[in-house]
């Protein structure tokens, strides 16, 4: 006996054919399409983030001078921590605003819902068109 129980496992279904990869030469055009489609949200996220960053850095420089040295050090470190947290929130917001315009996100959504066939090589429908 070969050590097996004699029961054969059912065959696994074959994976779907791979989607045709876009050309590396089309990446700049894809980036321009994303920039054009999401320009206003990206500009708003960046502008608000820079204004808030300026305000926090100004606050950090102002509270670092004066009496109560230990309290000022704690407050300055807390403000610098807020600057880092603000940068992460702004980056997350900018990525979130790009999410709807990405072909990859639309293809994943179409694959999960069972509508459309992203394996045909054609672009999936935009999620904003529905």
N, C-alpha and C. Protein backbone atom coordinates (compact mmCIF):
# COMPACT_ATOMS: atom_id res chain seq x y z
N UNK A 1 0.86 -1.17 0.00
CA UNK A 1 0.00 0.00 0.00
C UNK A 1 0.89 1.22 0.00
N UNK A 2 0.50 2.24 -0.67
CA UNK A 2 1.34 3.42 -0.82
C UNK A 2 1.13 4.43 0.30
N UNK A 3 0.30 4.13 1.25
CA UNK A 3 0.09 5.04 2.35
C UNK A 3 -1.13 5.93 2.16
N UNK A 4 -1.80 5.84 1.05
CA UNK A 4 -2.99 6.66 0.83
C UNK A 4 -4.23 5.85 1.20
N UNK A 5 -5.30 6.53 1.48
CA UNK A 5 -6.52 5.84 1.88
C UNK A 5 -7.31 5.31 0.71
N UNK A 6 -6.88 5.62 -0.48
CA UNK A 6 -7.57 5.13 -1.65
C UNK A 6 -8.65 6.07 -2.14
N UNK A 7 -8.95 7.14 -1.41
CA UNK A 7 -9.95 8.11 -1.84
C UNK A 7 -9.23 9.24 -2.55
N UNK A 8 -9.62 9.48 -3.77
CA UNK A 8 -8.97 10.53 -4.55
C UNK A 8 -9.66 11.86 -4.29
N UNK A 9 -8.89 12.90 -4.19
CA UNK A 9 -9.44 14.24 -4.00
C UNK A 9 -10.06 14.72 -5.31
N UNK A 10 -11.16 15.47 -5.22
CA UNK A 10 -11.75 15.96 -6.46
C UNK A 10 -10.81 16.95 -7.14
N UNK A 11 -10.84 16.97 -8.46
CA UNK A 11 -9.92 17.89 -9.16
C UNK A 11 -10.32 19.34 -8.89
N UNK A 12 -9.33 20.18 -8.79
CA UNK A 12 -9.58 21.61 -8.58
C UNK A 12 -9.88 22.27 -9.92
N UNK A 13 -10.77 23.27 -9.90
CA UNK A 13 -11.03 23.96 -11.17
C UNK A 13 -9.80 24.78 -11.58
N UNK A 14 -9.63 24.89 -12.86
CA UNK A 14 -8.48 25.63 -13.38
C UNK A 14 -8.67 27.12 -13.11
N UNK A 15 -7.59 27.84 -12.82
CA UNK A 15 -7.72 29.28 -12.61
C UNK A 15 -8.12 29.97 -13.91
N UNK A 16 -8.81 31.11 -13.80
CA UNK A 16 -9.20 31.82 -15.03
C UNK A 16 -7.96 32.32 -15.77
N UNK A 17 -8.07 32.49 -17.08
CA UNK A 17 -6.91 32.97 -17.83
C UNK A 17 -6.51 34.36 -17.34
N UNK A 18 -5.22 34.59 -17.34
CA UNK A 18 -4.69 35.86 -16.82
C UNK A 18 -5.11 37.02 -17.72
N UNK A 19 -5.39 38.14 -17.06
CA UNK A 19 -5.74 39.35 -17.81
C UNK A 19 -4.47 39.89 -18.47
N UNK A 20 -4.64 40.41 -19.65
CA UNK A 20 -3.50 40.96 -20.38
C UNK A 20 -2.93 42.15 -19.60
N UNK A 21 -1.66 42.11 -19.32
CA UNK A 21 -1.01 43.17 -18.56
C UNK A 21 -0.87 44.41 -19.44
N UNK A 22 -1.11 45.59 -18.85
CA UNK A 22 -0.92 46.80 -19.64
C UNK A 22 0.56 47.03 -19.92
N UNK A 23 0.82 47.71 -20.98
CA UNK A 23 2.19 48.01 -21.37
C UNK A 23 2.81 49.02 -20.41
N UNK A 24 4.09 48.89 -20.11
CA UNK A 24 4.74 49.90 -19.26
C UNK A 24 4.73 51.28 -19.91
N UNK A 25 4.62 51.32 -21.22
CA UNK A 25 4.59 52.60 -21.92
C UNK A 25 3.26 53.31 -21.73
N UNK A 26 2.24 52.59 -21.30
CA UNK A 26 0.93 53.22 -21.09
C UNK A 26 0.78 53.78 -19.67
N UNK A 27 1.74 53.51 -18.79
CA UNK A 27 1.63 53.98 -17.41
C UNK A 27 1.58 55.50 -17.29
N UNK A 28 2.38 56.27 -18.04
CA UNK A 28 2.24 57.73 -17.93
C UNK A 28 0.86 58.22 -18.36
N UNK A 29 0.29 57.59 -19.38
CA UNK A 29 -1.06 57.98 -19.81
C UNK A 29 -2.09 57.61 -18.74
N UNK A 30 -1.89 56.48 -18.10
CA UNK A 30 -2.78 56.06 -17.02
C UNK A 30 -2.68 57.05 -15.85
N UNK A 31 -1.46 57.49 -15.53
CA UNK A 31 -1.28 58.46 -14.45
C UNK A 31 -1.93 59.80 -14.79
N UNK A 32 -1.81 60.22 -16.04
CA UNK A 32 -2.46 61.47 -16.47
C UNK A 32 -3.98 61.34 -16.41
N UNK A 33 -4.51 60.17 -16.76
CA UNK A 33 -5.96 59.96 -16.68
C UNK A 33 -6.42 60.05 -15.24
N UNK A 34 -5.67 59.44 -14.33
CA UNK A 34 -6.03 59.52 -12.91
C UNK A 34 -5.94 60.95 -12.40
N UNK A 35 -4.89 61.66 -12.81
CA UNK A 35 -4.73 63.04 -12.35
C UNK A 35 -5.86 63.92 -12.87
N UNK A 36 -6.28 63.70 -14.10
CA UNK A 36 -7.38 64.49 -14.65
C UNK A 36 -8.71 64.17 -14.01
N UNK A 37 -8.92 62.91 -13.73
CA UNK A 37 -10.21 62.48 -13.16
C UNK A 37 -10.34 62.87 -11.69
N UNK A 38 -9.23 62.87 -10.96
CA UNK A 38 -9.27 63.11 -9.52
C UNK A 38 -8.54 64.38 -9.12
N UNK A 39 -8.39 65.32 -10.02
CA UNK A 39 -7.59 66.52 -9.73
C UNK A 39 -8.16 67.31 -8.56
N UNK A 40 -9.45 67.60 -8.59
CA UNK A 40 -10.02 68.45 -7.55
C UNK A 40 -9.92 67.83 -6.15
N UNK A 41 -10.29 66.56 -5.96
CA UNK A 41 -10.14 65.99 -4.61
C UNK A 41 -8.68 65.94 -4.15
N UNK A 42 -7.76 65.64 -5.07
CA UNK A 42 -6.35 65.59 -4.68
C UNK A 42 -5.83 66.97 -4.29
N UNK A 43 -6.23 67.99 -5.06
CA UNK A 43 -5.81 69.35 -4.73
C UNK A 43 -6.38 69.78 -3.39
N UNK A 44 -7.63 69.43 -3.14
CA UNK A 44 -8.25 69.82 -1.87
C UNK A 44 -7.56 69.12 -0.69
N UNK A 45 -7.31 67.83 -0.79
CA UNK A 45 -6.65 67.10 0.28
C UNK A 45 -5.27 67.70 0.55
N UNK A 46 -4.52 67.97 -0.53
CA UNK A 46 -3.17 68.50 -0.37
C UNK A 46 -3.21 69.89 0.26
N UNK A 47 -4.10 70.75 -0.23
CA UNK A 47 -4.15 72.13 0.27
C UNK A 47 -4.55 72.17 1.75
N UNK A 48 -5.58 71.44 2.10
CA UNK A 48 -6.02 71.41 3.50
C UNK A 48 -4.91 70.82 4.38
N UNK A 49 -4.25 69.79 3.89
CA UNK A 49 -3.17 69.18 4.66
C UNK A 49 -1.99 70.12 4.89
N UNK A 50 -1.62 70.86 3.85
CA UNK A 50 -0.51 71.79 4.00
C UNK A 50 -0.88 72.94 4.93
N UNK A 51 -2.11 73.44 4.83
CA UNK A 51 -2.55 74.52 5.72
C UNK A 51 -2.56 74.05 7.18
N UNK A 52 -3.08 72.85 7.42
CA UNK A 52 -3.11 72.32 8.78
C UNK A 52 -1.69 72.04 9.28
N UNK A 53 -0.83 71.56 8.40
CA UNK A 53 0.56 71.30 8.79
C UNK A 53 1.26 72.60 9.17
N UNK A 54 1.04 73.65 8.37
CA UNK A 54 1.63 74.95 8.69
C UNK A 54 1.14 75.43 10.06
N UNK A 55 -0.15 75.31 10.31
CA UNK A 55 -0.71 75.73 11.59
C UNK A 55 -0.12 74.97 12.76
N UNK A 56 0.01 73.65 12.60
CA UNK A 56 0.58 72.85 13.69
C UNK A 56 2.06 73.16 13.91
N UNK A 57 2.82 73.34 12.84
CA UNK A 57 4.23 73.67 13.01
C UNK A 57 4.41 75.05 13.63
N UNK A 58 3.56 76.00 13.26
CA UNK A 58 3.61 77.32 13.87
C UNK A 58 3.27 77.23 15.36
N UNK A 59 2.24 76.45 15.68
CA UNK A 59 1.88 76.24 17.07
C UNK A 59 3.03 75.60 17.84
N UNK A 60 3.69 74.63 17.23
CA UNK A 60 4.82 73.97 17.88
C UNK A 60 5.96 74.91 18.18
N UNK A 61 6.23 75.86 17.27
CA UNK A 61 7.31 76.81 17.52
C UNK A 61 6.91 77.84 18.57
N UNK A 62 5.63 78.19 18.63
CA UNK A 62 5.21 79.20 19.60
C UNK A 62 5.15 78.66 21.02
N UNK A 63 4.72 77.41 21.17
CA UNK A 63 4.60 76.88 22.53
C UNK A 63 5.92 76.38 23.09
N UNK A 64 6.96 76.38 22.27
CA UNK A 64 8.24 75.89 22.77
C UNK A 64 9.04 76.95 23.51
N UNK A 65 8.52 78.16 23.62
CA UNK A 65 9.21 79.25 24.32
C UNK A 65 8.36 79.72 25.50
N UNK A 66 9.01 79.99 26.62
CA UNK A 66 8.31 80.53 27.79
C UNK A 66 8.61 79.75 29.05
N UNK A 67 7.73 79.92 30.03
CA UNK A 67 7.90 79.26 31.32
C UNK A 67 7.42 77.81 31.26
N UNK A 68 7.59 77.10 32.37
CA UNK A 68 7.15 75.70 32.53
C UNK A 68 7.79 74.80 31.45
N UNK A 69 9.08 74.65 31.53
CA UNK A 69 9.85 73.95 30.50
C UNK A 69 9.34 72.53 30.23
N UNK A 70 9.09 71.75 31.27
CA UNK A 70 8.67 70.37 31.07
C UNK A 70 7.32 70.28 30.36
N UNK A 71 6.39 71.14 30.75
CA UNK A 71 5.07 71.13 30.09
C UNK A 71 5.19 71.56 28.63
N UNK A 72 6.07 72.51 28.36
CA UNK A 72 6.28 72.95 26.98
C UNK A 72 6.89 71.84 26.14
N UNK A 73 7.84 71.08 26.71
CA UNK A 73 8.42 69.96 25.97
C UNK A 73 7.37 68.91 25.63
N UNK A 74 6.54 68.59 26.60
CA UNK A 74 5.47 67.60 26.36
C UNK A 74 4.50 68.10 25.29
N UNK A 75 4.12 69.37 25.39
CA UNK A 75 3.19 69.92 24.41
C UNK A 75 3.81 69.97 23.02
N UNK A 76 5.08 70.30 22.92
CA UNK A 76 5.75 70.35 21.62
C UNK A 76 5.83 68.96 21.00
N UNK A 77 6.16 67.97 21.79
CA UNK A 77 6.20 66.59 21.28
C UNK A 77 4.81 66.14 20.85
N UNK A 78 3.79 66.53 21.61
CA UNK A 78 2.42 66.17 21.23
C UNK A 78 2.03 66.82 19.91
N UNK A 79 2.43 68.06 19.70
CA UNK A 79 2.12 68.74 18.44
C UNK A 79 2.86 68.08 17.28
N UNK A 80 4.11 67.69 17.47
CA UNK A 80 4.85 67.02 16.41
C UNK A 80 4.25 65.64 16.10
N UNK A 81 3.73 64.98 17.12
CA UNK A 81 3.02 63.72 16.89
C UNK A 81 1.77 63.96 16.04
N UNK A 82 1.08 65.06 16.32
CA UNK A 82 -0.10 65.41 15.51
C UNK A 82 0.28 65.71 14.07
N UNK A 83 1.46 66.29 13.84
CA UNK A 83 1.92 66.56 12.47
C UNK A 83 2.09 65.24 11.72
N UNK A 84 2.68 64.25 12.37
CA UNK A 84 2.87 62.94 11.72
C UNK A 84 1.52 62.28 11.46
N UNK A 85 0.62 62.33 12.43
CA UNK A 85 -0.71 61.73 12.26
C UNK A 85 -1.48 62.44 11.15
N UNK A 86 -1.33 63.76 11.04
CA UNK A 86 -1.97 64.51 9.98
C UNK A 86 -1.45 64.08 8.61
N UNK A 87 -0.14 63.89 8.50
CA UNK A 87 0.45 63.45 7.23
C UNK A 87 -0.11 62.09 6.82
N UNK A 88 -0.26 61.19 7.78
CA UNK A 88 -0.81 59.86 7.45
C UNK A 88 -2.28 59.97 7.06
N UNK A 89 -3.04 60.83 7.72
CA UNK A 89 -4.46 60.99 7.38
C UNK A 89 -4.62 61.62 6.00
N UNK A 90 -3.79 62.58 5.66
CA UNK A 90 -3.86 63.22 4.35
C UNK A 90 -3.50 62.22 3.25
N UNK A 91 -2.46 61.44 3.47
CA UNK A 91 -2.08 60.42 2.49
C UNK A 91 -3.20 59.41 2.30
N UNK A 92 -3.82 58.97 3.38
CA UNK A 92 -4.93 58.03 3.29
C UNK A 92 -6.11 58.65 2.56
N UNK A 93 -6.41 59.91 2.83
CA UNK A 93 -7.50 60.58 2.13
C UNK A 93 -7.24 60.72 0.65
N UNK A 94 -6.01 61.01 0.27
CA UNK A 94 -5.68 61.13 -1.15
C UNK A 94 -5.79 59.77 -1.85
N UNK A 95 -5.33 58.72 -1.20
CA UNK A 95 -5.47 57.38 -1.78
C UNK A 95 -6.93 56.97 -1.88
N UNK A 96 -7.72 57.36 -0.89
CA UNK A 96 -9.15 57.04 -0.92
C UNK A 96 -9.85 57.76 -2.07
N UNK A 97 -9.43 58.98 -2.37
CA UNK A 97 -10.05 59.71 -3.48
C UNK A 97 -9.65 59.11 -4.83
N UNK A 98 -8.52 58.44 -4.90
CA UNK A 98 -8.10 57.77 -6.13
C UNK A 98 -8.78 56.41 -6.32
N UNK A 99 -9.28 55.84 -5.25
CA UNK A 99 -9.79 54.47 -5.28
C UNK A 99 -10.88 54.26 -6.32
N UNK A 100 -11.79 55.21 -6.47
CA UNK A 100 -12.89 55.03 -7.40
C UNK A 100 -12.48 55.09 -8.86
N UNK A 101 -11.35 55.71 -9.17
CA UNK A 101 -10.94 55.89 -10.56
C UNK A 101 -10.00 54.80 -11.05
N UNK A 102 -9.56 53.91 -10.17
CA UNK A 102 -8.61 52.88 -10.58
C UNK A 102 -9.31 51.74 -11.30
N UNK A 103 -8.73 51.29 -12.41
CA UNK A 103 -9.27 50.14 -13.13
C UNK A 103 -9.20 48.88 -12.29
N UNK A 104 -8.15 48.77 -11.48
CA UNK A 104 -7.95 47.56 -10.70
C UNK A 104 -9.06 47.38 -9.67
N UNK A 105 -9.49 48.48 -9.05
CA UNK A 105 -10.57 48.41 -8.07
C UNK A 105 -11.87 48.02 -8.74
N UNK A 106 -12.13 48.59 -9.91
CA UNK A 106 -13.35 48.25 -10.64
C UNK A 106 -13.33 46.78 -11.08
N UNK A 107 -12.17 46.30 -11.50
CA UNK A 107 -12.07 44.90 -11.92
C UNK A 107 -12.29 43.96 -10.74
N UNK A 108 -11.75 44.31 -9.58
CA UNK A 108 -11.93 43.47 -8.40
C UNK A 108 -13.39 43.45 -7.98
N UNK A 109 -14.06 44.60 -8.07
CA UNK A 109 -15.48 44.66 -7.73
C UNK A 109 -16.33 43.86 -8.71
N UNK A 110 -15.98 43.92 -9.99
CA UNK A 110 -16.72 43.15 -10.99
C UNK A 110 -16.50 41.66 -10.79
N UNK A 111 -15.30 41.28 -10.43
CA UNK A 111 -15.00 39.87 -10.21
C UNK A 111 -15.74 39.35 -8.98
N UNK A 112 -15.84 40.18 -7.94
CA UNK A 112 -16.50 39.75 -6.72
C UNK A 112 -18.00 39.65 -6.90
N UNK A 113 -18.58 40.54 -7.71
CA UNK A 113 -20.03 40.52 -7.88
C UNK A 113 -20.46 39.55 -8.98
N UNK A 114 -19.51 39.08 -9.77
CA UNK A 114 -19.85 38.13 -10.82
C UNK A 114 -20.31 38.78 -12.11
N UNK A 115 -20.32 40.10 -12.18
CA UNK A 115 -20.70 40.79 -13.41
C UNK A 115 -19.44 41.18 -14.15
N UNK A 116 -19.50 41.05 -15.44
CA UNK A 116 -18.35 41.43 -16.25
C UNK A 116 -17.27 40.36 -16.19
N UNK A 117 -16.40 40.40 -17.15
CA UNK A 117 -15.31 39.45 -17.18
C UNK A 117 -14.02 40.20 -17.34
N UNK A 118 -13.30 40.46 -16.24
CA UNK A 118 -12.05 41.19 -16.36
C UNK A 118 -10.97 40.41 -17.07
N UNK A 119 -11.17 39.11 -17.31
CA UNK A 119 -10.13 38.31 -17.95
C UNK A 119 -10.15 38.45 -19.46
N UNK A 120 -11.07 39.24 -20.03
CA UNK A 120 -11.13 39.38 -21.48
C UNK A 120 -10.13 40.39 -22.00
N UNK A 121 -9.50 41.15 -21.12
CA UNK A 121 -8.53 42.13 -21.55
C UNK A 121 -9.13 43.50 -21.76
N UNK A 122 -10.44 43.62 -21.71
CA UNK A 122 -11.07 44.93 -21.87
C UNK A 122 -11.15 45.61 -20.51
N UNK A 123 -11.32 46.91 -20.55
CA UNK A 123 -11.41 47.67 -19.30
C UNK A 123 -12.76 47.43 -18.66
N UNK A 124 -12.78 47.28 -17.34
CA UNK A 124 -14.07 47.10 -16.64
C UNK A 124 -14.83 48.41 -16.61
N UNK A 125 -16.13 48.33 -16.42
CA UNK A 125 -16.92 49.57 -16.35
C UNK A 125 -16.55 50.39 -15.12
N UNK A 126 -16.67 51.68 -15.25
CA UNK A 126 -16.36 52.56 -14.14
C UNK A 126 -17.41 52.42 -13.06
N UNK A 127 -17.01 52.39 -11.77
CA UNK A 127 -18.00 52.23 -10.71
C UNK A 127 -18.89 53.47 -10.57
N UNK A 128 -18.46 54.60 -11.09
CA UNK A 128 -19.26 55.82 -10.98
C UNK A 128 -20.35 55.89 -12.05
N UNK A 129 -20.28 55.02 -13.08
CA UNK A 129 -21.27 55.08 -14.15
C UNK A 129 -22.56 54.37 -13.76
N UNK A 130 -22.55 53.59 -12.68
CA UNK A 130 -23.76 52.88 -12.29
C UNK A 130 -24.60 53.67 -11.35
